[in-house]
Amino acid sequence: MAGPRSSTAVPLAAAFALLIAYASLYPFSGWRWPPGQLLWSLLALPWAHYYIAFDLWANFIGYMPLGALLYGAGVRSGWRWGWALLLAALLPALLSYAMEVTQNFLPDRVPSREDWLLNSGGGVVGALLGAALQALGVLQVWQSLRATAGSSPPVPAP
């Protein structure tokens, strides 16, 4: 097994997680404690009262790149594929749960258990896609192309 290598997957995953946080908490105004709510009741996400097809797909698809990037970051950092897959499945679920709970404090946002489940499922599918691409050798081909493109051609002698 090769040792850890530098990878753009780590900063890309961090940037994508920040993008998710931004999209989940926008417009960032009107922060307040929900009237009549105890902390415990905020942690138990409610079931949705309505469904919009776009929201369902956006929640699922939106977390897929994060799962794939986290898987790539894990294996490129020298982790065994199983640990990388576990990390790539759990971290999006934890991020999604934190975003859904935090949405309770924004009056324009509607947290729901379905959103958390769809986001988590998207992260898992993204991680599995990353693992499949690695198993098929696609990630190795990509890395070879990057290494070739990054190398400088020899400078001719004067």
Protein backbone atom coordinates (compact mmCIF):
# COMPACT_ATOMS: atom_id res chain seq x y z
CA MET A 1 0.00 0.00 0.00
CA ALA A 2 1.35 3.38 -0.97
CA GLY A 3 1.72 6.04 1.67
CA PRO A 4 -0.30 9.22 1.91
CA ARG A 5 -0.21 11.49 -1.12
CA SER A 6 -1.26 15.07 -1.56
CA SER A 7 -4.71 15.45 -2.98
CA THR A 8 -6.99 18.26 -4.00
CA ALA A 9 -9.90 16.17 -2.67
CA VAL A 10 -9.35 17.46 0.89
CA PRO A 11 -9.70 21.19 0.13
CA LEU A 12 -12.43 20.46 -2.43
CA ALA A 13 -14.42 18.48 0.16
CA ALA A 14 -13.99 21.31 2.69
CA ALA A 15 -15.10 23.88 0.11
CA PHE A 16 -18.10 21.75 -0.84
CA ALA A 17 -19.07 21.35 2.84
CA LEU A 18 -18.96 25.16 3.21
CA LEU A 19 -21.11 25.51 0.10
CA ILE A 20 -23.63 23.09 1.61
CA ALA A 21 -23.65 25.05 4.88
CA TYR A 22 -24.23 28.28 2.95
CA ALA A 23 -27.08 26.78 0.91
CA SER A 24 -28.63 25.19 4.00
CA LEU A 25 -28.64 28.32 6.15
CA TYR A 26 -29.23 31.08 3.61
CA PRO A 27 -30.51 33.87 4.10
CA PHE A 28 -28.75 33.95 7.52
CA SER A 29 -31.27 36.42 8.94
CA GLY A 30 -33.89 36.34 11.66
CA TRP A 31 -32.01 34.00 14.00
CA ARG A 32 -34.19 33.24 17.01
CA TRP A 33 -35.00 30.49 19.46
CA PRO A 34 -38.14 28.74 18.19
CA PRO A 35 -41.06 29.75 20.42
CA GLY A 36 -42.14 27.09 22.89
CA GLN A 37 -39.38 24.65 21.96
CA LEU A 38 -37.02 22.82 24.26
CA LEU A 39 -33.56 21.78 23.08
CA TRP A 40 -34.55 18.10 23.10
CA SER A 41 -37.49 18.71 20.76
CA LEU A 42 -35.20 20.55 18.31
CA LEU A 43 -32.86 17.55 18.10
CA ALA A 44 -35.70 15.25 17.02
CA LEU A 45 -36.21 16.39 13.46
CA PRO A 46 -39.87 16.60 12.40
CA TRP A 47 -41.38 14.80 9.43
CA ALA A 48 -42.03 17.07 6.46
CA HIS A 49 -45.51 18.54 6.00
CA TYR A 50 -45.22 18.73 2.22
CA TYR A 51 -42.99 17.47 -0.59
CA ILE A 52 -41.55 19.28 -3.59
CA ALA A 53 -39.92 17.03 -6.19
CA PHE A 54 -37.09 19.49 -6.85
CA ASP A 55 -36.24 19.66 -3.14
CA LEU A 56 -36.19 15.88 -2.84
CA TRP A 57 -33.78 15.48 -5.76
CA ALA A 58 -31.66 18.47 -4.76
CA ASN A 59 -31.23 17.08 -1.25
CA PHE A 60 -30.14 13.70 -2.56
CA ILE A 61 -27.92 14.85 -5.44
CA GLY A 62 -26.46 17.79 -3.50
CA TYR A 63 -24.59 15.55 -1.07
CA MET A 64 -23.28 13.02 -3.61
CA PRO A 65 -20.16 15.04 -4.54
CA LEU A 66 -19.29 15.47 -0.86
CA GLY A 67 -19.41 11.70 -0.29
CA ALA A 68 -17.26 11.07 -3.37
CA LEU A 69 -14.73 13.77 -2.44
CA LEU A 70 -14.46 12.51 1.13
CA TYR A 71 -13.87 8.97 -0.12
CA GLY A 72 -11.16 10.22 -2.48
CA ALA A 73 -9.59 12.28 0.29
CA GLY A 74 -9.53 9.25 2.57
CA VAL A 75 -7.90 6.84 0.15
CA ARG A 76 -5.44 9.48 -1.11
CA SER A 77 -4.46 10.13 2.52
CA GLY A 78 -3.47 6.49 2.93
CA TRP A 79 -6.61 5.17 4.62
CA ARG A 80 -7.84 1.70 3.78
CA TRP A 81 -10.83 1.77 1.46
CA GLY A 82 -13.24 0.51 4.16
CA TRP A 83 -12.34 3.32 6.57
CA ALA A 84 -12.50 5.86 3.77
CA LEU A 85 -15.96 4.59 2.81
CA LEU A 86 -17.15 4.78 6.43
CA LEU A 87 -15.80 8.34 6.77
CA ALA A 88 -17.38 9.37 3.47
CA ALA A 89 -20.75 7.96 4.54
CA LEU A 90 -20.83 9.31 8.11
CA LEU A 91 -19.49 12.85 7.67
CA PRO A 92 -22.16 13.98 5.19
CA ALA A 93 -24.85 12.52 7.48
CA LEU A 94 -23.42 14.41 10.46
CA LEU A 95 -23.13 17.64 8.48
CA SER A 96 -26.70 17.26 7.23
CA TYR A 97 -28.03 16.63 10.74
CA ALA A 98 -26.21 19.71 12.05
CA MET A 99 -27.64 21.82 9.20
CA GLU A 100 -31.19 20.53 9.75
CA VAL A 101 -31.04 21.21 13.52
CA THR A 102 -29.58 24.67 12.91
CA GLN A 103 -32.40 25.47 10.47
CA ASN A 104 -34.75 25.45 13.48
CA PHE A 105 -33.29 28.84 14.41
CA LEU A 106 -34.02 30.44 11.02
CA PRO A 107 -37.67 31.31 10.38
CA ASP A 108 -37.35 31.01 6.58
CA ARG A 109 -35.95 27.46 6.71
CA VAL A 110 -37.91 24.24 7.21
CA PRO A 111 -35.91 21.39 8.79
CA SER A 112 -37.14 17.86 8.26
CA ARG A 113 -36.21 14.27 8.83
CA GLU A 114 -36.71 13.54 5.11
CA ASP A 115 -34.12 16.15 4.15
CA TRP A 116 -31.62 14.59 6.55
CA LEU A 117 -32.30 11.09 5.21
CA LEU A 118 -32.03 12.20 1.58
CA ASN A 119 -28.84 14.17 2.23
CA SER A 120 -27.33 11.22 4.08
CA GLY A 121 -28.35 8.84 1.30
CA GLY A 122 -26.76 11.13 -1.27
CA GLY A 123 -23.51 11.12 0.70
CA VAL A 124 -23.54 7.31 0.88
CA VAL A 125 -24.22 6.96 -2.85
CA GLY A 126 -21.44 9.45 -3.60
CA ALA A 127 -19.03 7.48 -1.43
CA LEU A 128 -20.04 4.23 -3.15
CA LEU A 129 -19.55 5.85 -6.57
CA GLY A 130 -16.08 6.97 -5.46
CA ALA A 131 -15.28 3.43 -4.34
CA ALA A 132 -16.61 2.02 -7.62
CA LEU A 133 -14.47 4.45 -9.64
CA GLN A 134 -11.44 3.38 -7.63
CA ALA A 135 -12.23 -0.32 -8.09
CA LEU A 136 -12.58 0.20 -11.86
CA GLY A 137 -9.22 1.99 -11.99
CA VAL A 138 -10.68 5.33 -13.08
CA LEU A 139 -9.13 7.22 -10.15
CA GLN A 140 -5.70 5.79 -10.95
CA VAL A 141 -6.02 6.86 -14.60
CA TRP A 142 -7.07 10.33 -13.48
CA GLN A 143 -4.07 10.53 -11.13
CA SER A 144 -1.72 9.44 -13.93
CA LEU A 145 -3.12 12.13 -16.22
CA ARG A 146 -2.69 14.73 -13.48
CA ALA A 147 0.88 13.63 -12.82
CA THR A 148 1.72 13.74 -16.53
CA ALA A 149 0.11 17.16 -17.00
CA GLY A 150 1.88 18.51 -13.93
CA SER A 151 5.36 17.49 -14.97
CA SER A 152 7.45 20.06 -16.81
CA PRO A 153 8.94 19.18 -20.17
CA PRO A 154 12.73 19.10 -20.23
CA VAL A 155 14.34 22.41 -21.05
CA PRO A 156 16.64 22.14 -24.07
CA ALA A 157 20.27 23.05 -23.50
CA PRO A 158 21.42 26.28 -25.16
